Amino acid sequence: KLASPLVQQTQLLAQARGLATVGAQQP
């Protein structure tokens, strides 16, 4: 429970940089 906000924040930061693979559009 304590680590879940940190994981969500990391995913948002990765999506902003264009490096996220979760939910990324396939070529």
mmCIF file of all heavy atoms, coordinates in Angstrom:
data_MODEL
# 
_entry.id   MODEL 
# 
loop_
_atom_site.group_PDB 
_atom_site.id 
_atom_site.type_symbol 
_atom_site.label_atom_id 
_atom_site.label_alt_id 
_atom_site.label_comp_id 
_atom_site.label_asym_id 
_atom_site.label_entity_id 
_atom_site.label_seq_id 
_atom_site.pdbx_PDB_ins_code 
_atom_site.Cartn_x 
_atom_site.Cartn_y 
_atom_site.Cartn_z 
_atom_site.occupancy 
_atom_site.B_iso_or_equiv 
_atom_site.pdbx_formal_charge 
_atom_site.auth_seq_id 
_atom_site.auth_comp_id 
_atom_site.auth_asym_id 
_atom_site.auth_atom_id 
_atom_site.pdbx_PDB_model_num 
ATOM 1   N N   . LYS A 1 1  ? 0.824  -1.202 0.000   1.00 0.00 ? 1  LYS A N   1 
ATOM 2   C CA  . LYS A 1 1  ? 0.000  0.000  0.000   1.00 0.00 ? 1  LYS A CA  1 
ATOM 3   C C   . LYS A 1 1  ? 0.861  1.257  0.000   1.00 0.00 ? 1  LYS A C   1 
ATOM 4   O O   . LYS A 1 1  ? 0.548  2.267  -0.632  1.00 0.00 ? 1  LYS A O   1 
ATOM 5   C CB  . LYS A 1 1  ? -0.912 -0.011 1.226   1.00 0.00 ? 1  LYS A CB  1 
ATOM 6   C CG  . LYS A 1 1  ? -2.021 -1.044 1.142   1.00 0.00 ? 1  LYS A CG  1 
ATOM 7   C CD  . LYS A 1 1  ? -2.908 -0.971 2.382   1.00 0.00 ? 1  LYS A CD  1 
ATOM 8   C CE  . LYS A 1 1  ? -4.027 -2.011 2.311   1.00 0.00 ? 1  LYS A CE  1 
ATOM 9   N NZ  . LYS A 1 1  ? -4.916 -1.965 3.503   1.00 0.00 ? 1  LYS A NZ  1 
ATOM 10  N N   . LEU A 1 2  ? 1.960  1.197  0.747   1.00 0.00 ? 2  LEU A N   1 
ATOM 11  C CA  . LEU A 1 2  ? 2.838  2.360  0.781   1.00 0.00 ? 2  LEU A CA  1 
ATOM 12  C C   . LEU A 1 2  ? 3.604  2.570  -0.539  1.00 0.00 ? 2  LEU A C   1 
ATOM 13  O O   . LEU A 1 2  ? 3.905  3.703  -0.937  1.00 0.00 ? 2  LEU A O   1 
ATOM 14  C CB  . LEU A 1 2  ? 3.844  2.204  1.945   1.00 0.00 ? 2  LEU A CB  1 
ATOM 15  C CG  . LEU A 1 2  ? 3.254  2.222  3.354   1.00 0.00 ? 2  LEU A CG  1 
ATOM 16  C CD1 . LEU A 1 2  ? 4.342  1.926  4.383   1.00 0.00 ? 2  LEU A CD1 1 
ATOM 17  C CD2 . LEU A 1 2  ? 2.614  3.589  3.641   1.00 0.00 ? 2  LEU A CD2 1 
ATOM 18  N N   . ALA A 1 3  ? 3.892  1.452  -1.275  1.00 0.00 ? 3  ALA A N   1 
ATOM 19  C CA  . ALA A 1 3  ? 4.678  1.567  -2.511  1.00 0.00 ? 3  ALA A CA  1 
ATOM 20  C C   . ALA A 1 3  ? 3.829  1.837  -3.741  1.00 0.00 ? 3  ALA A C   1 
ATOM 21  O O   . ALA A 1 3  ? 4.358  2.251  -4.774  1.00 0.00 ? 3  ALA A O   1 
ATOM 22  C CB  . ALA A 1 3  ? 5.483  0.283  -2.729  1.00 0.00 ? 3  ALA A CB  1 
ATOM 23  N N   . SER A 1 4  ? 2.547  1.618  -3.658  1.00 0.00 ? 4  SER A N   1 
ATOM 24  C CA  . SER A 1 4  ? 1.710  1.810  -4.847  1.00 0.00 ? 4  SER A CA  1 
ATOM 25  C C   . SER A 1 4  ? 1.699  3.250  -5.357  1.00 0.00 ? 4  SER A C   1 
ATOM 26  O O   . SER A 1 4  ? 1.770  3.502  -6.567  1.00 0.00 ? 4  SER A O   1 
ATOM 27  C CB  . SER A 1 4  ? 0.283  1.321  -4.559  1.00 0.00 ? 4  SER A CB  1 
ATOM 28  O OG  . SER A 1 4  ? -0.261 2.035  -3.458  1.00 0.00 ? 4  SER A OG  1 
ATOM 29  N N   . PRO A 1 5  ? 1.618  4.289  -4.506  1.00 0.00 ? 5  PRO A N   1 
ATOM 30  C CA  . PRO A 1 5  ? 1.705  5.662  -5.049  1.00 0.00 ? 5  PRO A CA  1 
ATOM 31  C C   . PRO A 1 5  ? 3.039  5.940  -5.755  1.00 0.00 ? 5  PRO A C   1 
ATOM 32  O O   . PRO A 1 5  ? 3.111  6.650  -6.749  1.00 0.00 ? 5  PRO A O   1 
ATOM 33  C CB  . PRO A 1 5  ? 1.520  6.544  -3.808  1.00 0.00 ? 5  PRO A CB  1 
ATOM 34  C CG  . PRO A 1 5  ? 0.822  5.680  -2.826  1.00 0.00 ? 5  PRO A CG  1 
ATOM 35  C CD  . PRO A 1 5  ? 1.370  4.297  -3.057  1.00 0.00 ? 5  PRO A CD  1 
ATOM 36  N N   . LEU A 1 6  ? 4.118  5.338  -5.232  1.00 0.00 ? 6  LEU A N   1 
ATOM 37  C CA  . LEU A 1 6  ? 5.426  5.541  -5.865  1.00 0.00 ? 6  LEU A CA  1 
ATOM 38  C C   . LEU A 1 6  ? 5.494  4.884  -7.227  1.00 0.00 ? 6  LEU A C   1 
ATOM 39  O O   . LEU A 1 6  ? 6.062  5.440  -8.174  1.00 0.00 ? 6  LEU A O   1 
ATOM 40  C CB  . LEU A 1 6  ? 6.515  4.990  -4.938  1.00 0.00 ? 6  LEU A CB  1 
ATOM 41  C CG  . LEU A 1 6  ? 7.966  5.167  -5.420  1.00 0.00 ? 6  LEU A CG  1 
ATOM 42  C CD1 . LEU A 1 6  ? 8.288  6.654  -5.562  1.00 0.00 ? 6  LEU A CD1 1 
ATOM 43  C CD2 . LEU A 1 6  ? 8.922  4.506  -4.435  1.00 0.00 ? 6  LEU A CD2 1 
ATOM 44  N N   . VAL A 1 7  ? 4.881  3.690  -7.330  1.00 0.00 ? 7  VAL A N   1 
ATOM 45  C CA  . VAL A 1 7  ? 4.867  3.008  -8.646  1.00 0.00 ? 7  VAL A CA  1 
ATOM 46  C C   . VAL A 1 7  ? 4.045  3.798  -9.663  1.00 0.00 ? 7  VAL A C   1 
ATOM 47  O O   . VAL A 1 7  ? 4.431  3.964  -10.825 1.00 0.00 ? 7  VAL A O   1 
ATOM 48  C CB  . VAL A 1 7  ? 4.327  1.580  -8.477  1.00 0.00 ? 7  VAL A CB  1 
ATOM 49  C CG1 . VAL A 1 7  ? 4.125  0.919  -9.840  1.00 0.00 ? 7  VAL A CG1 1 
ATOM 50  C CG2 . VAL A 1 7  ? 5.275  0.760  -7.626  1.00 0.00 ? 7  VAL A CG2 1 
ATOM 51  N N   . GLN A 1 8  ? 2.881  4.319  -9.251  1.00 0.00 ? 8  GLN A N   1 
ATOM 52  C CA  . GLN A 1 8  ? 2.054  5.111  -10.169 1.00 0.00 ? 8  GLN A CA  1 
ATOM 53  C C   . GLN A 1 8  ? 2.778  6.370  -10.616 1.00 0.00 ? 8  GLN A C   1 
ATOM 54  O O   . GLN A 1 8  ? 2.715  6.779  -11.777 1.00 0.00 ? 8  GLN A O   1 
ATOM 55  C CB  . GLN A 1 8  ? 0.750  5.463  -9.470  1.00 0.00 ? 8  GLN A CB  1 
ATOM 56  C CG  . GLN A 1 8  ? -0.147 4.257  -9.207  1.00 0.00 ? 8  GLN A CG  1 
ATOM 57  C CD  . GLN A 1 8  ? -1.430 4.650  -8.483  1.00 0.00 ? 8  GLN A CD  1 
ATOM 58  O OE1 . GLN A 1 8  ? -1.627 5.827  -8.158  1.00 0.00 ? 8  GLN A OE1 1 
ATOM 59  N NE2 . GLN A 1 8  ? -2.278 3.659  -8.213  1.00 0.00 ? 8  GLN A NE2 1 
ATOM 60  N N   . GLN A 1 9  ? 3.485  7.015  -9.697  1.00 0.00 ? 9  GLN A N   1 
ATOM 61  C CA  . GLN A 1 9  ? 4.234  8.218  -10.053 1.00 0.00 ? 9  GLN A CA  1 
ATOM 62  C C   . GLN A 1 9  ? 5.350  7.903  -11.045 1.00 0.00 ? 9  GLN A C   1 
ATOM 63  O O   . GLN A 1 9  ? 5.616  8.673  -11.979 1.00 0.00 ? 9  GLN A O   1 
ATOM 64  C CB  . GLN A 1 9  ? 4.799  8.846  -8.784  1.00 0.00 ? 9  GLN A CB  1 
ATOM 65  C CG  . GLN A 1 9  ? 5.479  10.185 -9.027  1.00 0.00 ? 9  GLN A CG  1 
ATOM 66  C CD  . GLN A 1 9  ? 5.961  10.796 -7.739  1.00 0.00 ? 9  GLN A CD  1 
ATOM 67  O OE1 . GLN A 1 9  ? 5.811  10.196 -6.665  1.00 0.00 ? 9  GLN A OE1 1 
ATOM 68  N NE2 . GLN A 1 9  ? 6.529  11.999 -7.821  1.00 0.00 ? 9  GLN A NE2 1 
ATOM 69  N N   . THR A 1 10 ? 5.993  6.752  -10.873 1.00 0.00 ? 10 THR A N   1 
ATOM 70  C CA  . THR A 1 10 ? 7.061  6.352  -11.806 1.00 0.00 ? 10 THR A CA  1 
ATOM 71  C C   . THR A 1 10 ? 6.512  6.078  -13.209 1.00 0.00 ? 10 THR A C   1 
ATOM 72  O O   . THR A 1 10 ? 7.110  6.441  -14.228 1.00 0.00 ? 10 THR A O   1 
ATOM 73  C CB  . THR A 1 10 ? 7.780  5.107  -11.266 1.00 0.00 ? 10 THR A CB  1 
ATOM 74  O OG1 . THR A 1 10 ? 8.246  5.373  -9.939  1.00 0.00 ? 10 THR A OG1 1 
ATOM 75  C CG2 . THR A 1 10 ? 8.948  4.731  -12.157 1.00 0.00 ? 10 THR A CG2 1 
ATOM 76  N N   . GLN A 1 11 ? 5.323  5.429  -13.265 1.00 0.00 ? 11 GLN A N   1 
ATOM 77  C CA  . GLN A 1 11 ? 4.708  5.166  -14.574 1.00 0.00 ? 11 GLN A CA  1 
ATOM 78  C C   . GLN A 1 11 ? 4.305  6.452  -15.282 1.00 0.00 ? 11 GLN A C   1 
ATOM 79  O O   . GLN A 1 11 ? 4.475  6.599  -16.494 1.00 0.00 ? 11 GLN A O   1 
ATOM 80  C CB  . GLN A 1 11 ? 3.502  4.256  -14.387 1.00 0.00 ? 11 GLN A CB  1 
ATOM 81  C CG  . GLN A 1 11 ? 3.865  2.821  -13.995 1.00 0.00 ? 11 GLN A CG  1 
ATOM 82  C CD  . GLN A 1 11 ? 2.628  1.952  -13.822 1.00 0.00 ? 11 GLN A CD  1 
ATOM 83  O OE1 . GLN A 1 11 ? 1.509  2.466  -13.867 1.00 0.00 ? 11 GLN A OE1 1 
ATOM 84  N NE2 . GLN A 1 11 ? 2.856  0.657  -13.598 1.00 0.00 ? 11 GLN A NE2 1 
ATOM 85  N N   . LEU A 1 12 ? 3.738  7.401  -14.540 1.00 0.00 ? 12 LEU A N   1 
ATOM 86  C CA  . LEU A 1 12 ? 3.373  8.684  -15.143 1.00 0.00 ? 12 LEU A CA  1 
ATOM 87  C C   . LEU A 1 12 ? 4.597  9.421  -15.681 1.00 0.00 ? 12 LEU A C   1 
ATOM 88  O O   . LEU A 1 12 ? 4.560  10.038 -16.757 1.00 0.00 ? 12 LEU A O   1 
ATOM 89  C CB  . LEU A 1 12 ? 2.640  9.539  -14.102 1.00 0.00 ? 12 LEU A CB  1 
ATOM 90  C CG  . LEU A 1 12 ? 1.250  9.038  -13.674 1.00 0.00 ? 12 LEU A CG  1 
ATOM 91  C CD1 . LEU A 1 12 ? 0.688  9.927  -12.578 1.00 0.00 ? 12 LEU A CD1 1 
ATOM 92  C CD2 . LEU A 1 12 ? 0.306  9.025  -14.879 1.00 0.00 ? 12 LEU A CD2 1 
ATOM 93  N N   . LEU A 1 13 ? 5.684  9.367  -14.940 1.00 0.00 ? 13 LEU A N   1 
ATOM 94  C CA  . LEU A 1 13 ? 6.908  10.021 -15.401 1.00 0.00 ? 13 LEU A CA  1 
ATOM 95  C C   . LEU A 1 13 ? 7.452  9.353  -16.659 1.00 0.00 ? 13 LEU A C   1 
ATOM 96  O O   . LEU A 1 13 ? 7.935  10.020 -17.594 1.00 0.00 ? 13 LEU A O   1 
ATOM 97  C CB  . LEU A 1 13 ? 7.948  9.998  -14.281 1.00 0.00 ? 13 LEU A CB  1 
ATOM 98  C CG  . LEU A 1 13 ? 9.289  10.702 -14.587 1.00 0.00 ? 13 LEU A CG  1 
ATOM 99  C CD1 . LEU A 1 13 ? 9.039  12.179 -14.860 1.00 0.00 ? 13 LEU A CD1 1 
ATOM 100 C CD2 . LEU A 1 13 ? 10.257 10.523 -13.413 1.00 0.00 ? 13 LEU A CD2 1 
ATOM 101 N N   . ALA A 1 14 ? 7.366  8.019  -16.718 1.00 0.00 ? 14 ALA A N   1 
ATOM 102 C CA  . ALA A 1 14 ? 7.860  7.296  -17.910 1.00 0.00 ? 14 ALA A CA  1 
ATOM 103 C C   . ALA A 1 14 ? 6.996  7.585  -19.125 1.00 0.00 ? 14 ALA A C   1 
ATOM 104 O O   . ALA A 1 14 ? 7.492  7.713  -20.251 1.00 0.00 ? 14 ALA A O   1 
ATOM 105 C CB  . ALA A 1 14 ? 7.900  5.793  -17.609 1.00 0.00 ? 14 ALA A CB  1 
ATOM 106 N N   . GLN A 1 15 ? 5.655  7.676  -18.911 1.00 0.00 ? 15 GLN A N   1 
ATOM 107 C CA  . GLN A 1 15 ? 4.778  8.011  -20.035 1.00 0.00 ? 15 GLN A CA  1 
ATOM 108 C C   . GLN A 1 15 ? 5.055  9.407  -20.561 1.00 0.00 ? 15 GLN A C   1 
ATOM 109 O O   . GLN A 1 15 ? 4.977  9.678  -21.755 1.00 0.00 ? 15 GLN A O   1 
ATOM 110 C CB  . GLN A 1 15 ? 3.322  7.884  -19.592 1.00 0.00 ? 15 GLN A CB  1 
ATOM 111 C CG  . GLN A 1 15 ? 2.863  6.449  -19.371 1.00 0.00 ? 15 GLN A CG  1 
ATOM 112 C CD  . GLN A 1 15 ? 1.414  6.371  -18.914 1.00 0.00 ? 15 GLN A CD  1 
ATOM 113 O OE1 . GLN A 1 15 ? 0.759  7.402  -18.812 1.00 0.00 ? 15 GLN A OE1 1 
ATOM 114 N NE2 . GLN A 1 15 ? 0.951  5.154  -18.624 1.00 0.00 ? 15 GLN A NE2 1 
ATOM 115 N N   . ALA A 1 16 ? 5.356  10.318 -19.687 1.00 0.00 ? 16 ALA A N   1 
ATOM 116 C CA  . ALA A 1 16 ? 5.669  11.686 -20.122 1.00 0.00 ? 16 ALA A CA  1 
ATOM 117 C C   . ALA A 1 16 ? 6.939  11.731 -20.947 1.00 0.00 ? 16 ALA A C   1 
ATOM 118 O O   . ALA A 1 16 ? 7.086  12.543 -21.858 1.00 0.00 ? 16 ALA A O   1 
ATOM 119 C CB  . ALA A 1 16 ? 5.798  12.595 -18.888 1.00 0.00 ? 16 ALA A CB  1 
ATOM 120 N N   . ARG A 1 17 ? 7.900  10.851 -20.640 1.00 0.00 ? 17 ARG A N   1 
ATOM 121 C CA  . ARG A 1 17 ? 9.146  10.805 -21.411 1.00 0.00 ? 17 ARG A CA  1 
ATOM 122 C C   . ARG A 1 17 ? 9.026  9.953  -22.672 1.00 0.00 ? 17 ARG A C   1 
ATOM 123 O O   . ARG A 1 17 ? 9.966  9.902  -23.473 1.00 0.00 ? 17 ARG A O   1 
ATOM 124 C CB  . ARG A 1 17 ? 10.274 10.265 -20.541 1.00 0.00 ? 17 ARG A CB  1 
ATOM 125 C CG  . ARG A 1 17 ? 10.639 11.168 -19.384 1.00 0.00 ? 17 ARG A CG  1 
ATOM 126 C CD  . ARG A 1 17 ? 11.757 10.545 -18.565 1.00 0.00 ? 17 ARG A CD  1 
ATOM 127 N NE  . ARG A 1 17 ? 12.142 11.430 -17.457 1.00 0.00 ? 17 ARG A NE  1 
ATOM 128 C CZ  . ARG A 1 17 ? 13.088 11.125 -16.576 1.00 0.00 ? 17 ARG A CZ  1 
ATOM 129 N NH1 . ARG A 1 17 ? 13.743 9.963  -16.692 1.00 0.00 ? 17 ARG A NH1 1 
ATOM 130 N NH2 . ARG A 1 17 ? 13.371 11.958 -15.605 1.00 0.00 ? 17 ARG A NH2 1 
ATOM 131 N N   . GLY A 1 18 ? 7.902  9.250  -22.885 1.00 0.00 ? 18 GLY A N   1 
ATOM 132 C CA  . GLY A 1 18 ? 7.710  8.422  -24.072 1.00 0.00 ? 18 GLY A CA  1 
ATOM 133 C C   . GLY A 1 18 ? 8.379  7.087  -24.008 1.00 0.00 ? 18 GLY A C   1 
ATOM 134 O O   . GLY A 1 18 ? 8.678  6.480  -25.033 1.00 0.00 ? 18 GLY A O   1 
ATOM 135 N N   . LEU A 1 19 ? 8.658  6.592  -22.804 1.00 0.00 ? 19 LEU A N   1 
ATOM 136 C CA  . LEU A 1 19 ? 9.371  5.334  -22.667 1.00 0.00 ? 19 LEU A CA  1 
ATOM 137 C C   . LEU A 1 19 ? 8.499  4.229  -22.095 1.00 0.00 ? 19 LEU A C   1 
ATOM 138 O O   . LEU A 1 19 ? 8.988  3.144  -21.795 1.00 0.00 ? 19 LEU A O   1 
ATOM 139 C CB  . LEU A 1 19 ? 10.604 5.503  -21.768 1.00 0.00 ? 19 LEU A CB  1 
ATOM 140 C CG  . LEU A 1 19 ? 11.646 6.499  -22.254 1.00 0.00 ? 19 LEU A CG  1 
ATOM 141 C CD1 . LEU A 1 19 ? 12.764 6.620  -21.227 1.00 0.00 ? 19 LEU A CD1 1 
ATOM 142 C CD2 . LEU A 1 19 ? 12.194 6.049  -23.602 1.00 0.00 ? 19 LEU A CD2 1 
ATOM 143 N N   . ALA A 1 20 ? 7.206  4.501  -21.921 1.00 0.00 ? 20 ALA A N   1 
ATOM 144 C CA  . ALA A 1 20 ? 6.356  3.498  -21.295 1.00 0.00 ? 20 ALA A CA  1 
ATOM 145 C C   . ALA A 1 20 ? 6.031  2.414  -22.295 1.00 0.00 ? 20 ALA A C   1 
ATOM 146 O O   . ALA A 1 20 ? 5.820  2.673  -23.470 1.00 0.00 ? 20 ALA A O   1 
ATOM 147 C CB  . ALA A 1 20 ? 5.078  4.151  -20.770 1.00 0.00 ? 20 ALA A CB  1 
ATOM 148 N N   . THR A 1 21 ? 5.962  1.182  -21.792 1.00 0.00 ? 21 THR A N   1 
ATOM 149 C CA  . THR A 1 21 ? 5.599  0.055  -22.633 1.00 0.00 ? 21 THR A CA  1 
ATOM 150 C C   . THR A 1 21 ? 4.212  -0.466 -22.339 1.00 0.00 ? 21 THR A C   1 
ATOM 151 O O   . THR A 1 21 ? 3.652  -1.232 -23.124 1.00 0.00 ? 21 THR A O   1 
ATOM 152 C CB  . THR A 1 21 ? 6.601  -1.097 -22.423 1.00 0.00 ? 21 THR A CB  1 
ATOM 153 O OG1 . THR A 1 21 ? 6.584  -1.486 -21.055 1.00 0.00 ? 21 THR A OG1 1 
ATOM 154 C CG2 . THR A 1 21 ? 7.997  -0.667 -22.824 1.00 0.00 ? 21 THR A CG2 1 
ATOM 155 N N   . VAL A 1 22 ? 3.649  -0.049 -21.193 1.00 0.00 ? 22 VAL A N   1 
ATOM 156 C CA  . VAL A 1 22 ? 2.326  -0.519 -20.828 1.00 0.00 ? 22 VAL A CA  1 
ATOM 157 C C   . VAL A 1 22 ? 1.297  0.259  -21.619 1.00 0.00 ? 22 VAL A C   1 
ATOM 158 O O   . VAL A 1 22 ? 1.274  1.493  -21.593 1.00 0.00 ? 22 VAL A O   1 
ATOM 159 C CB  . VAL A 1 22 ? 2.077  -0.363 -19.315 1.00 0.00 ? 22 VAL A CB  1 
ATOM 160 C CG1 . VAL A 1 22 ? 0.671  -0.848 -18.956 1.00 0.00 ? 22 VAL A CG1 1 
ATOM 161 C CG2 . VAL A 1 22 ? 3.139  -1.117 -18.536 1.00 0.00 ? 22 VAL A CG2 1 
ATOM 162 N N   . GLY A 1 23 ? 0.473  -0.436 -22.352 1.00 0.00 ? 23 GLY A N   1 
ATOM 163 C CA  . GLY A 1 23 ? -0.556 0.226  -23.143 1.00 0.00 ? 23 GLY A CA  1 
ATOM 164 C C   . GLY A 1 23 ? -0.026 0.953  -24.361 1.00 0.00 ? 23 GLY A C   1 
ATOM 165 O O   . GLY A 1 23 ? -0.738 1.741  -24.966 1.00 0.00 ? 23 GLY A O   1 
ATOM 166 N N   . ALA A 1 24 ? 1.254  0.778  -24.752 1.00 0.00 ? 24 ALA A N   1 
ATOM 167 C CA  . ALA A 1 24 ? 1.822  1.459  -25.924 1.00 0.00 ? 24 ALA A CA  1 
ATOM 168 C C   . ALA A 1 24 ? 1.235  0.893  -27.198 1.00 0.00 ? 24 ALA A C   1 
ATOM 169 O O   . ALA A 1 24 ? 0.945  -0.297 -27.292 1.00 0.00 ? 24 ALA A O   1 
ATOM 170 C CB  . ALA A 1 24 ? 3.342  1.307  -25.920 1.00 0.00 ? 24 ALA A CB  1 
ATOM 171 N N   . GLN A 1 25 ? 1.057  1.750  -28.179 1.00 0.00 ? 25 GLN A N   1 
ATOM 172 C CA  . GLN A 1 25 ? 0.486  1.336  -29.467 1.00 0.00 ? 25 GLN A CA  1 
ATOM 173 C C   . GLN A 1 25 ? 1.514  0.524  -30.247 1.00 0.00 ? 25 GLN A C   1 
ATOM 174 O O   . GLN A 1 25 ? 2.662  0.941  -30.402 1.00 0.00 ? 25 GLN A O   1 
ATOM 175 C CB  . GLN A 1 25 ? 0.060  2.571  -30.271 1.00 0.00 ? 25 GLN A CB  1 
ATOM 176 C CG  . GLN A 1 25 ? -0.652 2.199  -31.558 1.00 0.00 ? 25 GLN A CG  1 
ATOM 177 C CD  . GLN A 1 25 ? -1.065 3.434  -32.327 1.00 0.00 ? 25 GLN A CD  1 
ATOM 178 O OE1 . GLN A 1 25 ? -0.775 4.544  -31.886 1.00 0.00 ? 25 GLN A OE1 1 
ATOM 179 N NE2 . GLN A 1 25 ? -1.748 3.234  -33.427 1.00 0.00 ? 25 GLN A NE2 1 
ATOM 180 N N   . GLN A 1 26 ? 1.069  -0.651 -30.713 1.00 0.00 ? 26 GLN A N   1 
ATOM 181 C CA  . GLN A 1 26 ? 1.958  -1.507 -31.476 1.00 0.00 ? 26 GLN A CA  1 
ATOM 182 C C   . GLN A 1 26 ? 2.204  -0.905 -32.858 1.00 0.00 ? 26 GLN A C   1 
ATOM 183 O O   . GLN A 1 26 ? 1.340  -0.210 -33.409 1.00 0.00 ? 26 GLN A O   1 
ATOM 184 C CB  . GLN A 1 26 ? 1.349  -2.901 -31.623 1.00 0.00 ? 26 GLN A CB  1 
ATOM 185 C CG  . GLN A 1 26 ? 1.180  -3.620 -30.302 1.00 0.00 ? 26 GLN A CG  1 
ATOM 186 C CD  . GLN A 1 26 ? 2.518  -3.875 -29.635 1.00 0.00 ? 26 GLN A CD  1 
ATOM 187 O OE1 . GLN A 1 26 ? 3.508  -4.107 -30.328 1.00 0.00 ? 26 GLN A OE1 1 
ATOM 188 N NE2 . GLN A 1 26 ? 2.551  -3.824 -28.299 1.00 0.00 ? 26 GLN A NE2 1 
ATOM 189 N N   . PRO A 1 27 ? 3.365  -1.171 -33.454 1.00 0.00 ? 27 PRO A N   1 
ATOM 190 C CA  . PRO A 1 27 ? 3.646  -0.629 -34.801 1.00 0.00 ? 27 PRO A CA  1 
ATOM 191 C C   . PRO A 1 27 ? 2.663  -1.166 -35.818 1.00 0.00 ? 27 PRO A C   1 
ATOM 192 O O   . PRO A 1 27 ? 2.314  -2.348 -35.800 1.00 0.00 ? 27 PRO A O   1 
ATOM 193 C CB  . PRO A 1 27 ? 5.076  -1.112 -35.087 1.00 0.00 ? 27 PRO A CB  1 
ATOM 194 C CG  . PRO A 1 27 ? 5.304  -2.221 -34.129 1.00 0.00 ? 27 PRO A CG  1 
ATOM 195 C CD  . PRO A 1 27 ? 4.482  -1.926 -32.918 1.00 0.00 ? 27 PRO A CD  1 
# 
